[in-house]
Amino acid sequence: MDARDFFGYKNPDEEPGRPDPADPATDAGPPLFEDAVTLDDPATLKRIDPEDMLGKVAELPRQLSQARRVVAAAELSASLADVDAVVVLAMGGSAIGA
């Protein structure tokens, strides 16, 4: 038994996500020069990044620095002096993995 048995396809062409060669809209060729975008243009960036993900990435160092200052200033009770590990669990939209 291999992954193809598990997922129910026997031919590599049936793998999920593969383009359908019979579909004329599927173009396996390289992108055309006229389709290129200039990332130096703020208007282009705003158009292709409407949620400002690049801005969120740029803010990460400041946020990490602020979090470090907050944690360093925290005063813990003596009962926590012997803690060896902390588990952080989180859930949420992870549009950007950090």
C-alpha atoms as a PDB file:
ATOM      1  CA  MET A   1       0.000   0.000   0.000  1.00  0.00           C
ATOM      2  CA  ASP A   2       1.287   3.450  -0.868  1.00  0.00           C
ATOM      3  CA  ALA A   3      -0.087   6.997  -0.836  1.00  0.00           C
ATOM      4  CA  ARG A   4      -1.932   6.458  -4.111  1.00  0.00           C
ATOM      5  CA  ASP A   5      -3.845   3.559  -2.571  1.00  0.00           C
ATOM      6  CA  PHE A   6      -4.641   5.652   0.475  1.00  0.00           C
ATOM      7  CA  PHE A   7      -5.857   8.674  -1.486  1.00  0.00           C
ATOM      8  CA  GLY A   8      -7.688   6.620  -4.116  1.00  0.00           C
ATOM      9  CA  TYR A   9      -5.783   7.389  -7.312  1.00  0.00           C
ATOM     10  CA  LYS A  10      -3.534   5.026  -9.224  1.00  0.00           C
ATOM     11  CA  ASN A  11      -2.096   7.234 -11.944  1.00  0.00           C
ATOM     12  CA  PRO A  12       0.159  10.220 -11.153  1.00  0.00           C
ATOM     13  CA  ASP A  13      -1.939  12.288 -13.590  1.00  0.00           C
ATOM     14  CA  GLU A  14      -4.880  11.875 -11.206  1.00  0.00           C
ATOM     15  CA  GLU A  15      -3.077  13.542  -8.290  1.00  0.00           C
ATOM     16  CA  PRO A  16      -5.016  16.419  -6.742  1.00  0.00           C
ATOM     17  CA  GLY A  17      -3.881  19.829  -7.910  1.00  0.00           C
ATOM     18  CA  ARG A  18      -2.483  18.672 -11.222  1.00  0.00           C
ATOM     19  CA  PRO A  19      -3.648  20.778 -14.160  1.00  0.00           C
ATOM     20  CA  ASP A  20      -6.044  19.075 -16.540  1.00  0.00           C
ATOM     21  CA  PRO A  21      -4.183  18.712 -19.862  1.00  0.00           C
ATOM     22  CA  ALA A  22      -7.535  18.656 -21.696  1.00  0.00           C
ATOM     23  CA  ASP A  23      -8.454  22.084 -20.313  1.00  0.00           C
ATOM     24  CA  PRO A  24      -7.440  24.787 -22.825  1.00  0.00           C
ATOM     25  CA  ALA A  25      -7.306  27.348 -19.992  1.00  0.00           C
ATOM     26  CA  THR A  26      -4.395  25.419 -18.476  1.00  0.00           C
ATOM     27  CA  ASP A  27      -1.233  27.027 -19.805  1.00  0.00           C
ATOM     28  CA  ALA A  28       1.901  25.217 -18.739  1.00  0.00           C
ATOM     29  CA  GLY A  29       4.140  27.784 -20.420  1.00  0.00           C
ATOM     30  CA  PRO A  30       6.247  30.353 -18.602  1.00  0.00           C
ATOM     31  CA  PRO A  31       4.690  33.695 -17.678  1.00  0.00           C
ATOM     32  CA  LEU A  32       4.847  36.319 -20.377  1.00  0.00           C
ATOM     33  CA  PHE A  33       6.980  39.424 -19.965  1.00  0.00           C
ATOM     34  CA  GLU A  34       3.943  41.688 -20.296  1.00  0.00           C
ATOM     35  CA  ASP A  35       2.325  39.863 -17.350  1.00  0.00           C
ATOM     36  CA  ALA A  36       5.202  40.785 -15.032  1.00  0.00           C
ATOM     37  CA  VAL A  37       4.577  43.276 -12.247  1.00  0.00           C
ATOM     38  CA  THR A  38       6.903  45.888 -10.817  1.00  0.00           C
ATOM     39  CA  LEU A  39       7.047  45.487  -7.061  1.00  0.00           C
ATOM     40  CA  ASP A  40       8.682  48.913  -6.731  1.00  0.00           C
ATOM     41  CA  ASP A  41       5.376  50.585  -7.617  1.00  0.00           C
ATOM     42  CA  PRO A  42       3.274  51.301  -4.477  1.00  0.00           C
ATOM     43  CA  ALA A  43       0.033  51.215  -6.498  1.00  0.00           C
ATOM     44  CA  THR A  44       0.877  47.734  -7.797  1.00  0.00           C
ATOM     45  CA  LEU A  45       1.714  46.517  -4.292  1.00  0.00           C
ATOM     46  CA  LYS A  46      -1.583  47.860  -2.979  1.00  0.00           C
ATOM     47  CA  ARG A  47      -3.448  46.109  -5.800  1.00  0.00           C
ATOM     48  CA  ILE A  48      -1.792  42.698  -5.318  1.00  0.00           C
ATOM     49  CA  ASP A  49      -1.577  42.939  -1.499  1.00  0.00           C
ATOM     50  CA  PRO A  50      -4.926  44.416  -0.423  1.00  0.00           C
ATOM     51  CA  GLU A  51      -4.619  43.008   3.121  1.00  0.00           C
ATOM     52  CA  ASP A  52      -1.152  44.598   3.549  1.00  0.00           C
ATOM     53  CA  MET A  53       0.578  41.310   4.359  1.00  0.00           C
ATOM     54  CA  LEU A  54       3.938  42.871   3.493  1.00  0.00           C
ATOM     55  CA  GLY A  55       3.285  45.576   6.087  1.00  0.00           C
ATOM     56  CA  LYS A  56       2.433  42.930   8.669  1.00  0.00           C
ATOM     57  CA  VAL A  57       5.711  41.130   7.953  1.00  0.00           C
ATOM     58  CA  ALA A  58       7.611  44.417   8.254  1.00  0.00           C
ATOM     59  CA  GLU A  59       5.986  45.054  11.665  1.00  0.00           C
ATOM     60  CA  LEU A  60       6.957  41.645  13.087  1.00  0.00           C
ATOM     61  CA  PRO A  61      10.377  42.678  14.513  1.00  0.00           C
ATOM     62  CA  ARG A  62       8.787  45.604  16.380  1.00  0.00           C
ATOM     63  CA  GLN A  63       6.043  43.343  17.746  1.00  0.00           C
ATOM     64  CA  LEU A  64       8.576  40.733  18.889  1.00  0.00           C
ATOM     65  CA  SER A  65      10.668  43.409  20.592  1.00  0.00           C
ATOM     66  CA  GLN A  66       7.603  44.774  22.368  1.00  0.00           C
ATOM     67  CA  ALA A  67       6.569  41.266  23.465  1.00  0.00           C
ATOM     68  CA  ARG A  68      10.061  40.667  24.878  1.00  0.00           C
ATOM     69  CA  ARG A  69       9.882  43.893  26.910  1.00  0.00           C
ATOM     70  CA  VAL A  70       6.443  42.976  28.265  1.00  0.00           C
ATOM     71  CA  VAL A  71       7.596  39.500  29.282  1.00  0.00           C
ATOM     72  CA  ALA A  72      10.818  40.804  30.858  1.00  0.00           C
ATOM     73  CA  ALA A  73       8.803  43.237  32.984  1.00  0.00           C
ATOM     74  CA  ALA A  74       6.387  40.586  34.246  1.00  0.00           C
ATOM     75  CA  GLU A  75       6.711  39.691  37.909  1.00  0.00           C
ATOM     76  CA  LEU A  76       5.980  36.064  38.668  1.00  0.00           C
ATOM     77  CA  SER A  77       5.074  34.586  42.008  1.00  0.00           C
ATOM     78  CA  ALA A  78       7.585  32.411  43.855  1.00  0.00           C
ATOM     79  CA  SER A  79       5.415  29.341  43.187  1.00  0.00           C
ATOM     80  CA  LEU A  80       6.397  29.569  39.520  1.00  0.00           C
ATOM     81  CA  ALA A  81      10.150  29.544  40.174  1.00  0.00           C
ATOM     82  CA  ASP A  82      10.468  25.840  39.364  1.00  0.00           C
ATOM     83  CA  VAL A  83       8.695  25.969  35.992  1.00  0.00           C
ATOM     84  CA  ASP A  84      10.813  24.180  33.389  1.00  0.00           C
ATOM     85  CA  ALA A  85       8.646  24.631  30.308  1.00  0.00           C
ATOM     86  CA  VAL A  86       5.719  26.598  28.990  1.00  0.00           C
ATOM     87  CA  VAL A  87       3.283  25.368  26.368  1.00  0.00           C
ATOM     88  CA  VAL A  88       1.711  27.996  24.154  1.00  0.00           C
ATOM     89  CA  LEU A  89      -1.420  26.994  22.286  1.00  0.00           C
ATOM     90  CA  ALA A  90      -3.023  29.261  19.756  1.00  0.00           C
ATOM     91  CA  MET A  91      -5.681  29.183  17.145  1.00  0.00           C
ATOM     92  CA  GLY A  92      -6.542  31.648  14.492  1.00  0.00           C
ATOM     93  CA  GLY A  93      -6.142  32.746  10.937  1.00  0.00           C
ATOM     94  CA  SER A  94      -2.575  32.170   9.888  1.00  0.00           C
ATOM     95  CA  ALA A  95      -2.376  34.161   6.694  1.00  0.00           C
ATOM     96  CA  ILE A  96       1.263  34.767   7.568  1.00  0.00           C
ATOM     97  CA  GLY A  97       3.281  32.097   9.339  1.00  0.00           C
ATOM     98  CA  ALA A  98       5.707  33.585  11.803  1.00  0.00           C
END
